ModelCIF file with pLDDT and N, C-alpha, C, O atoms, coordinates in Angstrom:
data_MODEL
#
_entry.id   MODEL 
#
_entity.id                         1 
_entity.type                       polymer 
_entity.pdbx_number_of_molecules   1 
#
_entity_poly.entity_id                      1 
_entity_poly.type                           'polypeptide(L)' 
_entity_poly.nstd_linkage                   no 
_entity_poly.nstd_monomer                   no 
_entity_poly.pdbx_seq_one_letter_code       CWMTPGADGRLWAINPEAGYFGVAPGTGATTNPS 
_entity_poly.pdbx_seq_one_letter_code_can   CWMTPGADGRLWAINPEAGYFGVAPGTGATTNPS 
_entity_poly.pdbx_strand_id                 A 
#
loop_
_entity_poly_seq.entity_id 
_entity_poly_seq.num 
_entity_poly_seq.mon_id 
_entity_poly_seq.hetero 
1 1  CYS n 
1 2  TRP n 
1 3  MET n 
1 4  THR n 
1 5  PRO n 
1 6  GLY n 
1 7  ALA n 
1 8  ASP n 
1 9  GLY n 
1 10 ARG n 
1 11 LEU n 
1 12 TRP n 
1 13 ALA n 
1 14 ILE n 
1 15 ASN n 
1 16 PRO n 
1 17 GLU n 
1 18 ALA n 
1 19 GLY n 
1 20 TYR n 
1 21 PHE n 
1 22 GLY n 
1 23 VAL n 
1 24 ALA n 
1 25 PRO n 
1 26 GLY n 
1 27 THR n 
1 28 GLY n 
1 29 ALA n 
1 30 THR n 
1 31 THR n 
1 32 ASN n 
1 33 PRO n 
1 34 SER n 
#
_struct_asym.id          A 
_struct_asym.entity_id   1 
#
loop_
_ma_qa_metric.id 
_ma_qa_metric.mode 
_ma_qa_metric.name 
_ma_qa_metric.software_group_id 
_ma_qa_metric.type 
1 global pLDDT . pLDDT 
2 local  pLDDT . pLDDT 
#
_ma_qa_metric_global.metric_id      1 
_ma_qa_metric_global.metric_value   95.32 
_ma_qa_metric_global.model_id       1 
_ma_qa_metric_global.ordinal_id     1 
#
loop_
_ma_qa_metric_local.label_asym_id 
_ma_qa_metric_local.label_comp_id 
_ma_qa_metric_local.label_seq_id 
_ma_qa_metric_local.metric_id 
_ma_qa_metric_local.metric_value 
_ma_qa_metric_local.model_id 
_ma_qa_metric_local.ordinal_id 
A CYS 1  2 98.00 1 1  
A TRP 2  2 98.00 1 2  
A MET 3  2 98.00 1 3  
A THR 4  2 98.00 1 4  
A PRO 5  2 98.00 1 5  
A GLY 6  2 97.00 1 6  
A ALA 7  2 96.00 1 7  
A ASP 8  2 97.00 1 8  
A GLY 9  2 97.00 1 9  
A ARG 10 2 98.00 1 10 
A LEU 11 2 98.00 1 11 
A TRP 12 2 98.00 1 12 
A ALA 13 2 98.00 1 13 
A ILE 14 2 98.00 1 14 
A ASN 15 2 98.00 1 15 
A PRO 16 2 98.00 1 16 
A GLU 17 2 98.00 1 17 
A ALA 18 2 98.00 1 18 
A GLY 19 2 98.00 1 19 
A TYR 20 2 96.00 1 20 
A PHE 21 2 95.00 1 21 
A GLY 22 2 93.00 1 22 
A VAL 23 2 92.00 1 23 
A ALA 24 2 95.00 1 24 
A PRO 25 2 94.00 1 25 
A GLY 26 2 92.00 1 26 
A THR 27 2 93.00 1 27 
A GLY 28 2 93.00 1 28 
A ALA 29 2 91.00 1 29 
A THR 30 2 87.00 1 30 
A THR 31 2 86.00 1 31 
A ASN 32 2 90.00 1 32 
A PRO 33 2 93.00 1 33 
A SER 34 2 94.00 1 34 
#
loop_
_atom_site.group_PDB 
_atom_site.id 
_atom_site.type_symbol 
_atom_site.label_atom_id 
_atom_site.label_alt_id 
_atom_site.label_comp_id 
_atom_site.label_asym_id 
_atom_site.label_entity_id 
_atom_site.label_seq_id 
_atom_site.pdbx_PDB_ins_code 
_atom_site.Cartn_x 
_atom_site.Cartn_y 
_atom_site.Cartn_z 
_atom_site.occupancy 
_atom_site.B_iso_or_equiv 
_atom_site.pdbx_formal_charge 
_atom_site.auth_seq_id 
_atom_site.auth_comp_id 
_atom_site.auth_asym_id 
_atom_site.auth_atom_id 
_atom_site.pdbx_PDB_model_num 
ATOM 1   N N  . CYS A 1 1  ? 3.408   -5.324 -1.089  1.00 98.00 ? 1  CYS A N  1 
ATOM 2   C CA . CYS A 1 1  ? 4.304   -4.821 -1.894  1.00 98.00 ? 1  CYS A CA 1 
ATOM 3   C C  . CYS A 1 1  ? 5.115   -5.932 -2.311  1.00 98.00 ? 1  CYS A C  1 
ATOM 4   O O  . CYS A 1 1  ? 5.569   -6.834 -1.607  1.00 98.00 ? 1  CYS A O  1 
ATOM 5   N N  . TRP A 1 2  ? 5.273   -5.698 -3.899  1.00 98.00 ? 2  TRP A N  1 
ATOM 6   C CA . TRP A 1 2  ? 6.361   -6.598 -4.363  1.00 98.00 ? 2  TRP A CA 1 
ATOM 7   C C  . TRP A 1 2  ? 7.335   -5.873 -4.992  1.00 98.00 ? 2  TRP A C  1 
ATOM 8   O O  . TRP A 1 2  ? 7.050   -5.053 -5.866  1.00 98.00 ? 2  TRP A O  1 
ATOM 9   N N  . MET A 1 3  ? 8.612   -6.120 -4.587  1.00 98.00 ? 3  MET A N  1 
ATOM 10  C CA . MET A 1 3  ? 9.875   -5.533 -4.846  1.00 98.00 ? 3  MET A CA 1 
ATOM 11  C C  . MET A 1 3  ? 11.029  -6.243 -5.687  1.00 98.00 ? 3  MET A C  1 
ATOM 12  O O  . MET A 1 3  ? 11.660  -7.167 -5.173  1.00 98.00 ? 3  MET A O  1 
ATOM 13  N N  . THR A 1 4  ? 11.238  -5.910 -6.682  1.00 98.00 ? 4  THR A N  1 
ATOM 14  C CA . THR A 1 4  ? 12.151  -6.360 -7.510  1.00 98.00 ? 4  THR A CA 1 
ATOM 15  C C  . THR A 1 4  ? 13.337  -5.358 -7.799  1.00 98.00 ? 4  THR A C  1 
ATOM 16  O O  . THR A 1 4  ? 13.224  -4.142 -7.958  1.00 98.00 ? 4  THR A O  1 
ATOM 17  N N  . PRO A 1 5  ? 14.767  -6.280 -7.842  1.00 98.00 ? 5  PRO A N  1 
ATOM 18  C CA . PRO A 1 5  ? 15.853  -5.355 -8.420  1.00 98.00 ? 5  PRO A CA 1 
ATOM 19  C C  . PRO A 1 5  ? 15.789  -4.823 -9.806  1.00 98.00 ? 5  PRO A C  1 
ATOM 20  O O  . PRO A 1 5  ? 15.530  -5.628 -10.700 1.00 98.00 ? 5  PRO A O  1 
ATOM 21  N N  . GLY A 1 6  ? 16.014  -3.422 -10.140 1.00 97.00 ? 6  GLY A N  1 
ATOM 22  C CA . GLY A 1 6  ? 15.996  -2.945 -11.067 1.00 97.00 ? 6  GLY A CA 1 
ATOM 23  C C  . GLY A 1 6  ? 17.417  -3.053 -11.821 1.00 97.00 ? 6  GLY A C  1 
ATOM 24  O O  . GLY A 1 6  ? 18.292  -3.674 -11.218 1.00 97.00 ? 6  GLY A O  1 
ATOM 25  N N  . ALA A 1 7  ? 17.741  -2.492 -13.121 1.00 96.00 ? 7  ALA A N  1 
ATOM 26  C CA . ALA A 1 7  ? 18.774  -2.380 -13.755 1.00 96.00 ? 7  ALA A CA 1 
ATOM 27  C C  . ALA A 1 7  ? 19.719  -1.295 -13.023 1.00 96.00 ? 7  ALA A C  1 
ATOM 28  O O  . ALA A 1 7  ? 20.939  -1.345 -13.178 1.00 96.00 ? 7  ALA A O  1 
ATOM 29  N N  . ASP A 1 8  ? 19.089  -0.288 -12.198 1.00 97.00 ? 8  ASP A N  1 
ATOM 30  C CA . ASP A 1 8  ? 19.817  0.538  -11.663 1.00 97.00 ? 8  ASP A CA 1 
ATOM 31  C C  . ASP A 1 8  ? 20.331  -0.053 -10.002 1.00 97.00 ? 8  ASP A C  1 
ATOM 32  O O  . ASP A 1 8  ? 20.957  0.625  -9.187  1.00 97.00 ? 8  ASP A O  1 
ATOM 33  N N  . GLY A 1 9  ? 19.894  -1.388 -9.824  1.00 97.00 ? 9  GLY A N  1 
ATOM 34  C CA . GLY A 1 9  ? 20.399  -1.548 -8.585  1.00 97.00 ? 9  GLY A CA 1 
ATOM 35  C C  . GLY A 1 9  ? 19.419  -1.190 -7.454  1.00 97.00 ? 9  GLY A C  1 
ATOM 36  O O  . GLY A 1 9  ? 19.653  -1.680 -6.349  1.00 97.00 ? 9  GLY A O  1 
ATOM 37  N N  . ARG A 1 10 ? 18.339  -0.382 -7.606  1.00 98.00 ? 10 ARG A N  1 
ATOM 38  C CA . ARG A 1 10 ? 17.483  -0.213 -6.489  1.00 98.00 ? 10 ARG A CA 1 
ATOM 39  C C  . ARG A 1 10 ? 16.231  -1.268 -6.719  1.00 98.00 ? 10 ARG A C  1 
ATOM 40  O O  . ARG A 1 10 ? 15.920  -1.849 -7.759  1.00 98.00 ? 10 ARG A O  1 
ATOM 41  N N  . LEU A 1 11 ? 15.569  -1.333 -5.325  1.00 98.00 ? 11 LEU A N  1 
ATOM 42  C CA . LEU A 1 11 ? 14.243  -2.132 -5.543  1.00 98.00 ? 11 LEU A CA 1 
ATOM 43  C C  . LEU A 1 11 ? 13.350  -1.271 -6.051  1.00 98.00 ? 11 LEU A C  1 
ATOM 44  O O  . LEU A 1 11 ? 13.210  -0.128 -5.615  1.00 98.00 ? 11 LEU A O  1 
ATOM 45  N N  . TRP A 1 12 ? 12.678  -1.770 -7.020  1.00 98.00 ? 12 TRP A N  1 
ATOM 46  C CA . TRP A 1 12 ? 11.234  -1.154 -7.714  1.00 98.00 ? 12 TRP A CA 1 
ATOM 47  C C  . TRP A 1 12 ? 9.964   -2.137 -6.931  1.00 98.00 ? 12 TRP A C  1 
ATOM 48  O O  . TRP A 1 12 ? 9.901   -3.340 -6.674  1.00 98.00 ? 12 TRP A O  1 
ATOM 49  N N  . ALA A 1 13 ? 9.148   -1.138 -6.736  1.00 98.00 ? 13 ALA A N  1 
ATOM 50  C CA . ALA A 1 13 ? 7.815   -1.788 -6.112  1.00 98.00 ? 13 ALA A CA 1 
ATOM 51  C C  . ALA A 1 13 ? 6.802   -1.405 -6.820  1.00 98.00 ? 13 ALA A C  1 
ATOM 52  O O  . ALA A 1 13 ? 6.717   -0.359 -7.465  1.00 98.00 ? 13 ALA A O  1 
ATOM 53  N N  . ILE A 1 14 ? 5.626   -2.659 -6.661  1.00 98.00 ? 14 ILE A N  1 
ATOM 54  C CA . ILE A 1 14 ? 4.479   -2.498 -7.026  1.00 98.00 ? 14 ILE A CA 1 
ATOM 55  C C  . ILE A 1 14 ? 3.489   -2.832 -5.978  1.00 98.00 ? 14 ILE A C  1 
ATOM 56  O O  . ILE A 1 14 ? 3.692   -3.740 -5.171  1.00 98.00 ? 14 ILE A O  1 
ATOM 57  N N  . ASN A 1 15 ? 2.330   -2.045 -5.985  1.00 98.00 ? 15 ASN A N  1 
ATOM 58  C CA . ASN A 1 15 ? 1.241   -2.963 -4.895  1.00 98.00 ? 15 ASN A CA 1 
ATOM 59  C C  . ASN A 1 15 ? 0.364   -3.483 -6.166  1.00 98.00 ? 15 ASN A C  1 
ATOM 60  O O  . ASN A 1 15 ? -0.229  -2.893 -7.069  1.00 98.00 ? 15 ASN A O  1 
ATOM 61  N N  . PRO A 1 16 ? 0.584   -5.107 -5.764  1.00 98.00 ? 16 PRO A N  1 
ATOM 62  C CA . PRO A 1 16 ? -0.281  -5.856 -6.634  1.00 98.00 ? 16 PRO A CA 1 
ATOM 63  C C  . PRO A 1 16 ? -1.571  -5.790 -6.633  1.00 98.00 ? 16 PRO A C  1 
ATOM 64  O O  . PRO A 1 16 ? -2.157  -6.398 -7.529  1.00 98.00 ? 16 PRO A O  1 
ATOM 65  N N  . GLU A 1 17 ? -2.338  -5.054 -5.652  1.00 98.00 ? 17 GLU A N  1 
ATOM 66  C CA . GLU A 1 17 ? -3.927  -5.185 -5.370  1.00 98.00 ? 17 GLU A CA 1 
ATOM 67  C C  . GLU A 1 17 ? -4.197  -3.740 -6.033  1.00 98.00 ? 17 GLU A C  1 
ATOM 68  O O  . GLU A 1 17 ? -3.430  -2.778 -6.057  1.00 98.00 ? 17 GLU A O  1 
ATOM 69  N N  . ALA A 1 18 ? -5.572  -3.858 -6.595  1.00 98.00 ? 18 ALA A N  1 
ATOM 70  C CA . ALA A 1 18 ? -6.493  -2.662 -7.045  1.00 98.00 ? 18 ALA A CA 1 
ATOM 71  C C  . ALA A 1 18 ? -7.167  -1.898 -6.107  1.00 98.00 ? 18 ALA A C  1 
ATOM 72  O O  . ALA A 1 18 ? -7.540  -0.747 -6.331  1.00 98.00 ? 18 ALA A O  1 
ATOM 73  N N  . GLY A 1 19 ? -7.374  -2.612 -4.852  1.00 98.00 ? 19 GLY A N  1 
ATOM 74  C CA . GLY A 1 19 ? -8.460  -1.934 -3.963  1.00 98.00 ? 19 GLY A CA 1 
ATOM 75  C C  . GLY A 1 19 ? -7.929  -2.302 -2.316  1.00 98.00 ? 19 GLY A C  1 
ATOM 76  O O  . GLY A 1 19 ? -7.015  -3.086 -2.060  1.00 98.00 ? 19 GLY A O  1 
ATOM 77  N N  . TYR A 1 20 ? -8.464  -1.793 -1.640  1.00 96.00 ? 20 TYR A N  1 
ATOM 78  C CA . TYR A 1 20 ? -8.530  -1.960 -0.234  1.00 96.00 ? 20 TYR A CA 1 
ATOM 79  C C  . TYR A 1 20 ? -9.389  -2.559 0.272   1.00 96.00 ? 20 TYR A C  1 
ATOM 80  O O  . TYR A 1 20 ? -10.516 -2.083 0.138   1.00 96.00 ? 20 TYR A O  1 
ATOM 81  N N  . PHE A 1 21 ? -9.220  -4.020 1.170   1.00 95.00 ? 21 PHE A N  1 
ATOM 82  C CA . PHE A 1 21 ? -9.885  -4.642 2.005   1.00 95.00 ? 21 PHE A CA 1 
ATOM 83  C C  . PHE A 1 21 ? -9.608  -4.435 3.493   1.00 95.00 ? 21 PHE A C  1 
ATOM 84  O O  . PHE A 1 21 ? -8.969  -5.263 4.142   1.00 95.00 ? 21 PHE A O  1 
ATOM 85  N N  . GLY A 1 22 ? -10.138 -3.235 4.057   1.00 93.00 ? 22 GLY A N  1 
ATOM 86  C CA . GLY A 1 22 ? -9.986  -2.576 5.058   1.00 93.00 ? 22 GLY A CA 1 
ATOM 87  C C  . GLY A 1 22 ? -10.653 -2.929 6.459   1.00 93.00 ? 22 GLY A C  1 
ATOM 88  O O  . GLY A 1 22 ? -11.827 -3.276 6.327   1.00 93.00 ? 22 GLY A O  1 
ATOM 89  N N  . VAL A 1 23 ? -10.254 -2.925 7.582   1.00 92.00 ? 23 VAL A N  1 
ATOM 90  C CA . VAL A 1 23 ? -10.906 -3.145 8.707   1.00 92.00 ? 23 VAL A CA 1 
ATOM 91  C C  . VAL A 1 23 ? -11.514 -1.723 8.970   1.00 92.00 ? 23 VAL A C  1 
ATOM 92  O O  . VAL A 1 23 ? -10.876 -0.672 8.895   1.00 92.00 ? 23 VAL A O  1 
ATOM 93  N N  . ALA A 1 24 ? -13.208 -1.879 9.375   1.00 95.00 ? 24 ALA A N  1 
ATOM 94  C CA . ALA A 1 24 ? -13.840 -0.672 9.517   1.00 95.00 ? 24 ALA A CA 1 
ATOM 95  C C  . ALA A 1 24 ? -13.488 -0.269 10.897  1.00 95.00 ? 24 ALA A C  1 
ATOM 96  O O  . ALA A 1 24 ? -13.004 0.851  11.058  1.00 95.00 ? 24 ALA A O  1 
ATOM 97  N N  . PRO A 1 25 ? -13.653 -0.958 11.792  1.00 94.00 ? 25 PRO A N  1 
ATOM 98  C CA . PRO A 1 25 ? -13.903 -0.381 13.197  1.00 94.00 ? 25 PRO A CA 1 
ATOM 99  C C  . PRO A 1 25 ? -12.520 0.407  13.669  1.00 94.00 ? 25 PRO A C  1 
ATOM 100 O O  . PRO A 1 25 ? -11.456 -0.207 13.748  1.00 94.00 ? 25 PRO A O  1 
ATOM 101 N N  . GLY A 1 26 ? -12.626 1.787  13.968  1.00 92.00 ? 26 GLY A N  1 
ATOM 102 C CA . GLY A 1 26 ? -11.646 2.470  14.463  1.00 92.00 ? 26 GLY A CA 1 
ATOM 103 C C  . GLY A 1 26 ? -11.189 3.292  13.109  1.00 92.00 ? 26 GLY A C  1 
ATOM 104 O O  . GLY A 1 26 ? -10.191 4.009  13.187  1.00 92.00 ? 26 GLY A O  1 
ATOM 105 N N  . THR A 1 27 ? -11.896 3.194  11.901  1.00 93.00 ? 27 THR A N  1 
ATOM 106 C CA . THR A 1 27 ? -11.634 4.224  11.061  1.00 93.00 ? 27 THR A CA 1 
ATOM 107 C C  . THR A 1 27 ? -12.664 5.360  11.409  1.00 93.00 ? 27 THR A C  1 
ATOM 108 O O  . THR A 1 27 ? -13.824 5.112  11.736  1.00 93.00 ? 27 THR A O  1 
ATOM 109 N N  . GLY A 1 28 ? -12.191 6.505  11.320  1.00 93.00 ? 28 GLY A N  1 
ATOM 110 C CA . GLY A 1 28 ? -13.017 7.643  11.751  1.00 93.00 ? 28 GLY A CA 1 
ATOM 111 C C  . GLY A 1 28 ? -12.409 9.070  10.995  1.00 93.00 ? 28 GLY A C  1 
ATOM 112 O O  . GLY A 1 28 ? -11.334 8.990  10.399  1.00 93.00 ? 28 GLY A O  1 
ATOM 113 N N  . ALA A 1 29 ? -13.041 10.185 11.043  1.00 91.00 ? 29 ALA A N  1 
ATOM 114 C CA . ALA A 1 29 ? -12.527 11.290 10.801  1.00 91.00 ? 29 ALA A CA 1 
ATOM 115 C C  . ALA A 1 29 ? -11.318 11.758 11.395  1.00 91.00 ? 29 ALA A C  1 
ATOM 116 O O  . ALA A 1 29 ? -10.621 12.578 10.798  1.00 91.00 ? 29 ALA A O  1 
ATOM 117 N N  . THR A 1 30 ? -10.976 11.268 12.628  1.00 87.00 ? 30 THR A N  1 
ATOM 118 C CA . THR A 1 30 ? -9.899  11.777 13.318  1.00 87.00 ? 30 THR A CA 1 
ATOM 119 C C  . THR A 1 30 ? -8.638  10.664 13.103  1.00 87.00 ? 30 THR A C  1 
ATOM 120 O O  . THR A 1 30 ? -7.457  10.964 12.928  1.00 87.00 ? 30 THR A O  1 
ATOM 121 N N  . THR A 1 31 ? -9.157  9.427  13.158  1.00 86.00 ? 31 THR A N  1 
ATOM 122 C CA . THR A 1 31 ? -7.828  8.549  12.960  1.00 86.00 ? 31 THR A CA 1 
ATOM 123 C C  . THR A 1 31 ? -7.465  8.332  11.423  1.00 86.00 ? 31 THR A C  1 
ATOM 124 O O  . THR A 1 31 ? -6.331  7.981  11.098  1.00 86.00 ? 31 THR A O  1 
ATOM 125 N N  . ASN A 1 32 ? -8.390  8.537  10.574  1.00 90.00 ? 32 ASN A N  1 
ATOM 126 C CA . ASN A 1 32 ? -8.095  8.170  9.144   1.00 90.00 ? 32 ASN A CA 1 
ATOM 127 C C  . ASN A 1 32 ? -9.019  8.726  8.163   1.00 90.00 ? 32 ASN A C  1 
ATOM 128 O O  . ASN A 1 32 ? -9.744  7.972  7.515   1.00 90.00 ? 32 ASN A O  1 
ATOM 129 N N  . PRO A 1 33 ? -9.049  10.097 7.993   1.00 93.00 ? 33 PRO A N  1 
ATOM 130 C CA . PRO A 1 33 ? -10.379 10.911 7.087   1.00 93.00 ? 33 PRO A CA 1 
ATOM 131 C C  . PRO A 1 33 ? -10.100 10.152 5.955   1.00 93.00 ? 33 PRO A C  1 
ATOM 132 O O  . PRO A 1 33 ? -11.044 9.499  5.511   1.00 93.00 ? 33 PRO A O  1 
ATOM 133 N N  . SER A 1 34 ? -8.809  10.066 5.261   1.00 94.00 ? 34 SER A N  1 
ATOM 134 C CA . SER A 1 34 ? -8.789  9.732  4.061   1.00 94.00 ? 34 SER A CA 1 
ATOM 135 C C  . SER A 1 34 ? -9.420  8.616  3.806   1.00 94.00 ? 34 SER A C  1 
ATOM 136 O O  . SER A 1 34 ? -9.469  8.183  2.655   1.00 94.00 ? 34 SER A O  1 
#
C-alpha cells in the first residue's frame, strides 16, 4: 500500500501491484474461496 496525503488532509492509497504473488499452501475452499 502506498499512501499519500491528499488536498483534503486524508491519506489516499494505491496498490502499486497489478497481480498477486501469493502463498499456495493453506489456500482452499474453506480458508480463502476468493
